[in-house]
Amino acid sequence: MASVLTITPKELERQAVALFEGRTYKIFLAVRGSLTVASTAAEWEAAELSGNGYAAVTGTIGTGSYNAGTTRYELPNITAQFTASGAGYTYDTMCLKIGTELYLHSINVETPSITLAAGQSKSYVLQLAQDD
């Protein structure tokens, strides 16, 4: 006889509220070098870009809702736009840090590296979701 375990929508909501809702976030660009997914947030922040119009994107994660179509609890999209000035900049990793956690939530490695000349922009749209 087969059995199926389902995590209830209210449990997914409870987890998402505990982990994400109302917490601060920082989305920043870095040059990876020898850093890995196991590197600390402090190590990644030491590799963060600076100058030439670069600025990290910060904010607070909003309230989400359960999506019956995807069977997951979805938080509002987070949009981060980066615009270069001066000499521009090059990076290979976009990082998401939540709250004061010691490790990053996630990284997005760009291959090849992204180069933004003065006046050029790059946007990222991130969606956090809790599912089973």
C-alpha atoms as a PDB file:
ATOM      1  CA  MET A   1       0.000   0.000   0.000  1.00  0.00           C
ATOM      2  CA  ALA A   2       1.344   3.440  -0.972  1.00  0.00           C
ATOM      3  CA  SER A   3       1.223   6.434   1.275  1.00  0.00           C
ATOM      4  CA  VAL A   4       1.570  10.121   0.371  1.00  0.00           C
ATOM      5  CA  LEU A   5       2.816  12.747   2.783  1.00  0.00           C
ATOM      6  CA  THR A   6       1.628  16.279   2.083  1.00  0.00           C
ATOM      7  CA  ILE A   7       2.809  19.377   3.884  1.00  0.00           C
ATOM      8  CA  THR A   8      -0.274  21.487   4.500  1.00  0.00           C
ATOM      9  CA  PRO A   9      -0.659  25.028   3.117  1.00  0.00           C
ATOM     10  CA  LYS A  10      -0.782  26.450   6.653  1.00  0.00           C
ATOM     11  CA  GLU A  11       2.502  24.724   7.537  1.00  0.00           C
ATOM     12  CA  LEU A  12       4.142  26.178   4.426  1.00  0.00           C
ATOM     13  CA  GLU A  13       2.818  29.579   5.482  1.00  0.00           C
ATOM     14  CA  ARG A  14       4.155  29.122   9.031  1.00  0.00           C
ATOM     15  CA  GLN A  15       7.609  28.276   7.686  1.00  0.00           C
ATOM     16  CA  ALA A  16       7.650  31.193   5.228  1.00  0.00           C
ATOM     17  CA  VAL A  17       6.550  33.657   7.899  1.00  0.00           C
ATOM     18  CA  ALA A  18       9.265  32.392  10.268  1.00  0.00           C
ATOM     19  CA  LEU A  19      11.980  32.440   7.617  1.00  0.00           C
ATOM     20  CA  PHE A  20      11.197  35.377   5.361  1.00  0.00           C
ATOM     21  CA  GLU A  21       8.305  37.762   6.031  1.00  0.00           C
ATOM     22  CA  GLY A  22       9.390  41.053   7.581  1.00  0.00           C
ATOM     23  CA  ARG A  23      13.088  40.196   7.401  1.00  0.00           C
ATOM     24  CA  THR A  24      15.571  42.496   5.735  1.00  0.00           C
ATOM     25  CA  TYR A  25      17.436  41.523   2.595  1.00  0.00           C
ATOM     26  CA  LYS A  26      20.511  42.697   0.749  1.00  0.00           C
ATOM     27  CA  ILE A  27      21.153  41.890  -2.890  1.00  0.00           C
ATOM     28  CA  PHE A  28      24.690  42.644  -3.951  1.00  0.00           C
ATOM     29  CA  LEU A  29      27.208  41.969  -6.707  1.00  0.00           C
ATOM     30  CA  ALA A  30      30.613  40.386  -6.170  1.00  0.00           C
ATOM     31  CA  VAL A  31      33.631  38.905  -7.900  1.00  0.00           C
ATOM     32  CA  ARG A  32      33.672  35.267  -6.806  1.00  0.00           C
ATOM     33  CA  GLY A  33      37.380  34.453  -6.956  1.00  0.00           C
ATOM     34  CA  SER A  34      37.865  31.384  -4.739  1.00  0.00           C
ATOM     35  CA  LEU A  35      34.585  31.822  -2.836  1.00  0.00           C
ATOM     36  CA  THR A  36      32.091  28.956  -2.827  1.00  0.00           C
ATOM     37  CA  VAL A  37      28.537  28.310  -1.648  1.00  0.00           C
ATOM     38  CA  ALA A  38      30.093  27.309   1.689  1.00  0.00           C
ATOM     39  CA  SER A  39      31.811  30.701   2.158  1.00  0.00           C
ATOM     40  CA  THR A  40      30.427  32.963   4.871  1.00  0.00           C
ATOM     41  CA  ALA A  41      28.334  36.046   4.204  1.00  0.00           C
ATOM     42  CA  ALA A  42      31.215  38.144   5.568  1.00  0.00           C
ATOM     43  CA  GLU A  43      33.604  36.590   3.046  1.00  0.00           C
ATOM     44  CA  TRP A  44      31.168  37.316   0.212  1.00  0.00           C
ATOM     45  CA  GLU A  45      30.616  40.881   1.418  1.00  0.00           C
ATOM     46  CA  ALA A  46      34.392  41.404   1.406  1.00  0.00           C
ATOM     47  CA  ALA A  47      34.264  40.612  -2.347  1.00  0.00           C
ATOM     48  CA  GLU A  48      31.368  43.030  -2.969  1.00  0.00           C
ATOM     49  CA  LEU A  49      31.843  45.647  -5.668  1.00  0.00           C
ATOM     50  CA  SER A  50      32.320  49.329  -4.894  1.00  0.00           C
ATOM     51  CA  GLY A  51      32.459  52.570  -6.847  1.00  0.00           C
ATOM     52  CA  ASN A  52      31.328  53.570 -10.338  1.00  0.00           C
ATOM     53  CA  GLY A  53      27.665  53.921  -9.373  1.00  0.00           C
ATOM     54  CA  TYR A  54      27.411  50.504  -7.749  1.00  0.00           C
ATOM     55  CA  ALA A  55      25.046  50.221  -4.771  1.00  0.00           C
ATOM     56  CA  ALA A  56      23.584  47.139  -3.101  1.00  0.00           C
ATOM     57  CA  VAL A  57      19.798  46.827  -3.058  1.00  0.00           C
ATOM     58  CA  THR A  58      18.212  46.487   0.369  1.00  0.00           C
ATOM     59  CA  GLY A  59      14.685  46.221   1.690  1.00  0.00           C
ATOM     60  CA  THR A  60      12.233  44.192   3.717  1.00  0.00           C
ATOM     61  CA  ILE A  61      10.494  41.036   2.526  1.00  0.00           C
ATOM     62  CA  GLY A  62       6.751  41.561   2.271  1.00  0.00           C
ATOM     63  CA  THR A  63       3.798  39.355   3.130  1.00  0.00           C
ATOM     64  CA  GLY A  64       3.156  36.402   0.867  1.00  0.00           C
ATOM     65  CA  SER A  65       0.295  34.037   0.200  1.00  0.00           C
ATOM     66  CA  TYR A  66      -0.385  30.424  -0.654  1.00  0.00           C
ATOM     67  CA  ASN A  67      -0.690  29.735  -4.399  1.00  0.00           C
ATOM     68  CA  ALA A  68      -2.912  26.678  -4.921  1.00  0.00           C
ATOM     69  CA  GLY A  69      -1.823  26.423  -8.562  1.00  0.00           C
ATOM     70  CA  THR A  70       1.836  25.930  -7.666  1.00  0.00           C
ATOM     71  CA  THR A  71       1.077  24.395  -4.244  1.00  0.00           C
ATOM     72  CA  ARG A  72       3.557  26.664  -2.518  1.00  0.00           C
ATOM     73  CA  TYR A  73       3.622  29.763  -0.335  1.00  0.00           C
ATOM     74  CA  GLU A  74       5.033  32.625  -2.425  1.00  0.00           C
ATOM     75  CA  LEU A  75       6.544  35.871  -1.202  1.00  0.00           C
ATOM     76  CA  PRO A  76       6.363  39.069  -3.283  1.00  0.00           C
ATOM     77  CA  ASN A  77       8.968  39.385  -6.025  1.00  0.00           C
ATOM     78  CA  ILE A  78      12.099  41.352  -5.173  1.00  0.00           C
ATOM     79  CA  THR A  79      13.514  43.443  -8.022  1.00  0.00           C
ATOM     80  CA  ALA A  80      17.101  44.628  -7.899  1.00  0.00           C
ATOM     81  CA  GLN A  81      18.499  46.984 -10.538  1.00  0.00           C
ATOM     82  CA  PHE A  82      22.172  47.853 -10.779  1.00  0.00           C
ATOM     83  CA  THR A  83      23.406  50.783 -12.900  1.00  0.00           C
ATOM     84  CA  ALA A  84      27.031  51.600 -13.654  1.00  0.00           C
ATOM     85  CA  SER A  85      28.618  55.013 -13.980  1.00  0.00           C
ATOM     86  CA  GLY A  86      32.187  56.252 -14.461  1.00  0.00           C
ATOM     87  CA  ALA A  87      34.386  53.394 -15.654  1.00  0.00           C
ATOM     88  CA  GLY A  88      31.609  50.835 -15.140  1.00  0.00           C
ATOM     89  CA  TYR A  89      32.194  47.507 -13.461  1.00  0.00           C
ATOM     90  CA  THR A  90      32.470  43.757 -13.980  1.00  0.00           C
ATOM     91  CA  TYR A  91      31.085  41.043 -11.717  1.00  0.00           C
ATOM     92  CA  ASP A  92      30.341  37.335 -11.840  1.00  0.00           C
ATOM     93  CA  THR A  93      28.018  36.726  -8.886  1.00  0.00           C
ATOM     94  CA  MET A  94      24.752  38.164  -7.606  1.00  0.00           C
ATOM     95  CA  CYS A  95      24.235  37.408  -3.906  1.00  0.00           C
ATOM     96  CA  LEU A  96      21.154  37.380  -1.677  1.00  0.00           C
ATOM     97  CA  LYS A  97      21.630  37.815   2.061  1.00  0.00           C
ATOM     98  CA  ILE A  98      18.646  37.643   4.411  1.00  0.00           C
ATOM     99  CA  GLY A  99      18.783  39.352   7.786  1.00  0.00           C
ATOM    100  CA  THR A 100      21.991  38.871   9.741  1.00  0.00           C
ATOM    101  CA  GLU A 101      22.466  35.230   8.790  1.00  0.00           C
ATOM    102  CA  LEU A 102      26.070  34.014   8.757  1.00  0.00           C
ATOM    103  CA  TYR A 103      25.648  32.464   5.292  1.00  0.00           C
ATOM    104  CA  LEU A 104      23.991  33.726   2.131  1.00  0.00           C
ATOM    105  CA  HIS A 105      20.527  32.582   1.132  1.00  0.00           C
ATOM    106  CA  SER A 106      21.625  32.094  -2.472  1.00  0.00           C
ATOM    107  CA  ILE A 107      24.039  33.095  -5.195  1.00  0.00           C
ATOM    108  CA  ASN A 108      23.610  33.444  -8.941  1.00  0.00           C
ATOM    109  CA  VAL A 109      26.865  32.846 -10.850  1.00  0.00           C
ATOM    110  CA  GLU A 110      27.113  34.577 -14.225  1.00  0.00           C
ATOM    111  CA  THR A 111      29.160  32.783 -16.889  1.00  0.00           C
ATOM    112  CA  PRO A 112      30.708  34.647 -18.552  1.00  0.00           C
ATOM    113  CA  SER A 113      31.117  37.612 -16.226  1.00  0.00           C
ATOM    114  CA  ILE A 114      28.848  40.616 -16.731  1.00  0.00           C
ATOM    115  CA  THR A 115      30.420  43.946 -17.668  1.00  0.00           C
ATOM    116  CA  LEU A 116      28.319  47.077 -17.325  1.00  0.00           C
ATOM    117  CA  ALA A 117      29.657  50.216 -19.015  1.00  0.00           C
ATOM    118  CA  ALA A 118      28.677  53.663 -17.741  1.00  0.00           C
ATOM    119  CA  GLY A 119      24.928  54.131 -18.138  1.00  0.00           C
ATOM    120  CA  GLN A 120      24.171  50.423 -18.566  1.00  0.00           C
ATOM    121  CA  SER A 121      21.889  48.567 -16.147  1.00  0.00           C
ATOM    122  CA  LYS A 122      21.146  44.977 -15.217  1.00  0.00           C
ATOM    123  CA  SER A 123      18.032  43.875 -13.342  1.00  0.00           C
ATOM    124  CA  TYR A 124      17.261  40.737 -11.370  1.00  0.00           C
ATOM    125  CA  VAL A 125      13.833  39.579 -10.216  1.00  0.00           C
ATOM    126  CA  LEU A 126      13.907  37.132  -7.309  1.00  0.00           C
ATOM    127  CA  GLN A 127      10.996  35.167  -5.922  1.00  0.00           C
ATOM    128  CA  LEU A 128      11.178  33.408  -2.603  1.00  0.00           C
ATOM    129  CA  ALA A 129       8.812  30.504  -2.067  1.00  0.00           C
ATOM    130  CA  GLN A 130       8.284  27.759   0.473  1.00  0.00           C
ATOM    131  CA  ASP A 131       7.104  24.429  -0.899  1.00  0.00           C
ATOM    132  CA  ASP A 132       7.192  20.758  -0.142  1.00  0.00           C
END
